[in-house]
Amino acid sequence: MQPGDPRLSTDRSDSTDQAGASVGVGPYAAPWPDDPRLDPSLLTEGDRRNVADQYRYWRHDAIVADLDSRRHDFHVAVENWGHDFNIGSVIRTANAFNAKAFHIVGRRRWNRRGAMVTDRYQHEHHHPTVADLLDWAGPQGEAHPGIPLIGIDNLPGSLAIELAELPRSCVLVFGQEGPGLSPAMREACVEVLHITQYGSTRSINAGAAAAIAMHTWVRQHADI
């Protein structure tokens, strides 16, 4: 079953996106495919989820299993000290680039609205403190086997991400909007990279910065 299959109903009247346009697909016309990945309730009622076309009508666990089979080797960590609403945008981007997992450092509860339910298709880890994240990642440094923490922030002494070679296995770490990486997180990172800017603003949105950083990893390591 592929996008454009004539059995995919064009009835999209049950759900709309933020702009008011209809989204998703309606009930699947009989006969149903013999595919254990498909969800009978979605085939019956239609699929209005925010998923790529190739996953229409798939069970949730089947989608996660397929993503697990080809996840990339980078993780994403976000500091959550002030319940930053940008976290959801970062997590949504982590889904788009199929990160290995995402990590919330600080408060366990975070603003999920911006994630657009994409967090349900990823693996989430919570670390109350920076030290807890370090314990999970393992020893840091060139001679150590842990997963290196790479901070993304425009700090004095940081290196331009455009000129950096990201480790294949790493954790891309983002601070909250405004203050950026906490002092403890800066100290924990083996390297801090900044995104070169050419305008007048001091910084770019945390969600945009995360997208640039993840795409940099993809350009260097993913199977394009």
Protein backbone atom coordinates (compact mmCIF):
# COMPACT_ATOMS: atom_id res chain seq x y z
CA MET A 1 0.00 0.00 0.00
CA GLN A 2 1.60 3.25 -1.15
CA PRO A 3 0.53 6.91 -1.27
CA GLY A 4 -1.72 7.29 -4.28
CA ASP A 5 -3.24 3.83 -3.91
CA PRO A 6 -6.83 4.17 -5.23
CA ARG A 7 -8.13 2.44 -2.11
CA LEU A 8 -6.93 5.33 0.06
CA SER A 9 -10.11 7.32 0.60
CA THR A 10 -9.97 10.99 -0.37
CA ASP A 11 -12.51 11.82 2.32
CA ARG A 12 -10.51 14.13 4.58
CA SER A 13 -13.35 16.04 6.19
CA ASP A 14 -12.93 14.76 9.75
CA SER A 15 -9.81 16.69 10.72
CA THR A 16 -8.15 19.97 9.88
CA ASP A 17 -4.69 21.42 10.42
CA GLN A 18 -3.92 24.77 12.03
CA ALA A 19 -4.65 26.57 8.78
CA GLY A 20 -8.05 24.92 8.48
CA ALA A 21 -7.07 22.53 5.69
CA SER A 22 -8.20 18.92 5.95
CA VAL A 23 -5.56 16.34 6.84
CA GLY A 24 -5.21 12.58 6.99
CA VAL A 25 -7.14 9.92 5.12
CA GLY A 26 -10.55 8.38 5.53
CA PRO A 27 -11.55 4.72 5.93
CA TYR A 28 -9.70 2.18 3.79
CA ALA A 29 -11.94 0.64 1.15
CA ALA A 30 -12.36 -3.14 1.28
CA PRO A 31 -10.74 -5.54 0.83
CA TRP A 32 -8.17 -4.76 3.49
CA PRO A 33 -4.52 -5.70 2.90
CA ASP A 34 -3.21 -8.74 4.76
CA ASP A 35 -0.57 -6.84 6.72
CA PRO A 36 -0.09 -7.32 10.49
CA ARG A 37 1.30 -3.79 10.79
CA LEU A 38 -2.10 -2.28 10.01
CA ASP A 39 -4.57 -1.20 12.70
CA PRO A 40 -8.14 -2.42 12.07
CA SER A 41 -9.64 0.58 13.88
CA LEU A 42 -7.72 3.01 11.68
CA LEU A 43 -8.69 1.09 8.56
CA THR A 44 -12.32 1.34 9.65
CA GLU A 45 -12.41 4.94 10.86
CA GLY A 46 -9.62 6.62 8.92
CA ASP A 47 -6.19 7.85 9.97
CA ARG A 48 -5.93 11.50 11.02
CA ARG A 49 -2.56 11.27 12.77
CA ASN A 50 0.47 13.43 12.09
CA VAL A 51 2.43 10.66 10.36
CA ALA A 52 4.19 10.29 7.02
CA ASP A 53 2.15 8.74 4.21
CA GLN A 54 4.04 5.44 4.32
CA TYR A 55 2.77 4.94 7.89
CA ARG A 56 -0.92 5.53 7.17
CA TYR A 57 -3.08 2.96 8.96
CA TRP A 58 -0.08 1.41 10.73
CA ARG A 59 -0.32 0.48 14.40
CA HIS A 60 1.62 2.77 16.71
CA ASP A 61 3.96 0.03 17.88
CA ALA A 62 4.64 -1.00 14.28
CA ILE A 63 5.72 2.55 13.41
CA VAL A 64 8.03 2.71 16.42
CA ALA A 65 9.53 -0.67 15.54
CA ASP A 66 10.22 0.45 11.98
CA LEU A 67 11.85 3.68 13.20
CA ASP A 68 13.91 1.68 15.71
CA SER A 69 15.33 -0.41 12.90
CA ARG A 70 17.01 2.63 11.35
CA ARG A 71 17.46 5.29 14.02
CA HIS A 72 20.51 7.50 13.75
CA ASP A 73 23.36 7.42 16.22
CA PHE A 74 22.83 10.84 17.76
CA HIS A 75 20.77 11.69 20.82
CA VAL A 76 19.18 15.02 21.71
CA ALA A 77 19.22 16.47 25.21
CA VAL A 78 17.31 19.57 26.30
CA GLU A 79 17.61 21.39 29.61
CA ASN A 80 14.21 22.01 31.18
CA TRP A 81 14.65 24.34 34.14
CA GLY A 82 11.94 26.86 33.22
CA HIS A 83 9.33 24.75 31.37
CA ASP A 84 10.48 26.24 28.06
CA PHE A 85 7.77 25.98 25.39
CA ASN A 86 10.46 25.58 22.70
CA ILE A 87 11.27 22.08 23.91
CA GLY A 88 8.37 20.65 21.93
CA SER A 89 9.77 22.10 18.73
CA VAL A 90 13.16 20.53 19.42
CA ILE A 91 11.57 17.14 20.06
CA ARG A 92 9.50 17.36 16.89
CA THR A 93 12.70 17.99 14.92
CA ALA A 94 14.38 15.05 16.68
CA ASN A 95 11.59 12.89 15.30
CA ALA A 96 12.01 14.32 11.80
CA PHE A 97 15.70 13.36 11.79
CA ASN A 98 15.03 10.06 13.61
CA ALA A 99 17.30 10.63 16.61
CA LYS A 100 18.20 7.61 18.72
CA ALA A 101 16.37 9.14 21.71
CA PHE A 102 15.69 12.44 23.41
CA HIS A 103 16.63 13.37 26.94
CA ILE A 104 15.00 15.89 29.25
CA VAL A 105 17.38 17.29 31.87
CA GLY A 106 15.80 19.03 34.87
CA ARG A 107 12.06 19.06 35.36
CA ARG A 108 10.35 15.86 34.28
CA ARG A 109 7.26 17.66 32.98
CA TRP A 110 7.81 19.64 29.81
CA ASN A 111 5.58 21.54 27.40
CA ARG A 112 4.59 18.88 24.86
CA ARG A 113 2.30 21.02 22.74
CA GLY A 114 4.96 21.96 20.21
CA ALA A 115 5.95 18.33 19.73
CA MET A 116 2.69 17.68 17.85
CA VAL A 117 2.52 14.17 19.44
CA THR A 118 5.78 13.15 17.71
CA ASP A 119 7.21 12.31 21.15
CA ARG A 120 5.02 9.19 21.12
CA TYR A 121 7.18 7.72 18.37
CA GLN A 122 10.48 8.31 20.15
CA HIS A 123 12.33 7.10 23.22
CA GLU A 124 12.35 9.55 26.12
CA HIS A 125 14.77 9.61 29.03
CA HIS A 126 14.64 11.91 32.04
CA HIS A 127 17.67 13.05 34.05
CA PRO A 128 16.99 15.23 37.11
CA THR A 129 20.45 16.85 36.95
CA VAL A 130 23.35 17.35 34.57
CA ALA A 131 25.30 14.86 36.68
CA ASP A 132 22.62 12.25 36.00
CA LEU A 133 22.94 12.82 32.26
CA LEU A 134 26.71 12.40 32.60
CA ASP A 135 26.24 9.15 34.50
CA TRP A 136 24.09 7.89 31.63
CA ALA A 137 26.47 9.07 28.89
CA GLY A 138 29.62 7.75 30.51
CA PRO A 139 33.11 9.23 30.87
CA GLN A 140 33.79 12.20 28.63
CA GLY A 141 36.94 12.99 26.65
CA GLU A 142 38.85 11.73 23.63
CA ALA A 143 40.33 8.75 25.47
CA HIS A 144 37.06 7.62 27.04
CA PRO A 145 34.34 5.29 25.69
CA GLY A 146 31.32 7.35 26.75
CA ILE A 147 28.91 9.10 24.39
CA PRO A 148 30.28 12.66 24.04
CA LEU A 149 28.06 15.60 24.93
CA ILE A 150 28.21 18.33 22.28
CA GLY A 151 26.72 21.64 23.40
CA ILE A 152 25.06 23.97 20.92
CA ASP A 153 25.29 27.59 22.07
CA ASN A 154 26.89 30.85 20.92
CA LEU A 155 29.27 31.15 23.83
CA PRO A 156 32.70 32.79 23.94
CA GLY A 157 35.25 30.22 22.86
CA SER A 158 32.73 28.04 21.03
CA LEU A 159 33.56 26.69 17.58
CA ALA A 160 31.57 27.23 14.38
CA ILE A 161 29.43 24.17 13.69
CA GLU A 162 29.95 24.73 9.97
CA LEU A 163 33.65 23.88 10.45
CA ALA A 164 33.22 21.06 12.98
CA GLU A 165 33.16 17.31 12.45
CA LEU A 166 30.44 15.90 14.68
CA PRO A 167 31.06 12.49 16.26
CA ARG A 168 28.89 9.79 14.76
CA SER A 169 27.72 8.77 18.22
CA CYS A 170 26.99 11.84 20.33
CA VAL A 171 24.45 13.77 22.35
CA LEU A 172 23.52 17.18 20.94
CA VAL A 173 22.70 19.34 23.96
CA PHE A 174 20.49 22.42 23.93
CA GLY A 175 19.77 24.93 26.67
CA GLN A 176 16.52 26.70 27.27
CA GLU A 177 15.50 29.76 25.30
CA GLY A 178 17.29 32.89 26.53
CA PRO A 179 19.99 31.77 28.97
CA GLY A 180 21.15 28.88 26.80
CA LEU A 181 23.23 26.10 28.32
CA SER A 182 23.52 26.17 32.09
CA PRO A 183 27.03 26.57 33.57
CA ALA A 184 26.96 22.96 34.74
CA MET A 185 26.06 21.73 31.26
CA ARG A 186 28.75 23.86 29.62
CA GLU A 187 31.29 22.23 31.90
CA ALA A 188 29.95 18.77 31.10
CA CYS A 189 30.19 19.13 27.31
CA VAL A 190 33.39 18.03 25.60
CA GLU A 191 32.81 20.72 23.00
CA VAL A 192 30.47 23.66 22.46
CA LEU A 193 29.56 24.67 18.91
CA HIS A 194 27.79 27.77 17.68
CA ILE A 195 25.80 28.45 14.52
CA THR A 196 27.34 31.32 12.58
CA GLN A 197 24.97 34.27 12.22
CA TYR A 198 25.21 37.27 9.93
CA GLY A 199 22.39 39.55 11.07
CA SER A 200 21.73 41.84 14.01
CA THR A 201 19.96 39.48 16.41
CA ARG A 202 21.93 38.03 19.32
CA SER A 203 20.63 34.49 18.90
CA ILE A 204 18.22 32.35 16.94
CA ASN A 205 15.25 30.39 18.25
CA ALA A 206 16.19 27.20 20.11
CA GLY A 207 14.00 25.11 17.82
CA ALA A 208 15.69 26.53 14.72
CA ALA A 209 19.14 26.02 16.22
CA ALA A 210 18.30 22.40 17.00
CA ALA A 211 17.14 21.80 13.43
CA ILE A 212 20.38 23.21 12.02
CA ALA A 213 22.51 21.13 14.38
CA MET A 214 20.66 17.90 13.66
CA HIS A 215 20.76 18.50 9.93
CA THR A 216 24.51 19.09 10.19
CA TRP A 217 24.85 15.62 11.72
CA VAL A 218 22.65 14.18 8.95
CA ARG A 219 24.76 15.75 6.22
CA GLN A 220 27.92 14.31 7.75
CA HIS A 221 26.78 10.82 8.74
CA ALA A 222 23.37 9.79 7.39
CA ASP A 223 22.80 7.54 4.42
CA ILE A 224 21.47 10.19 2.06
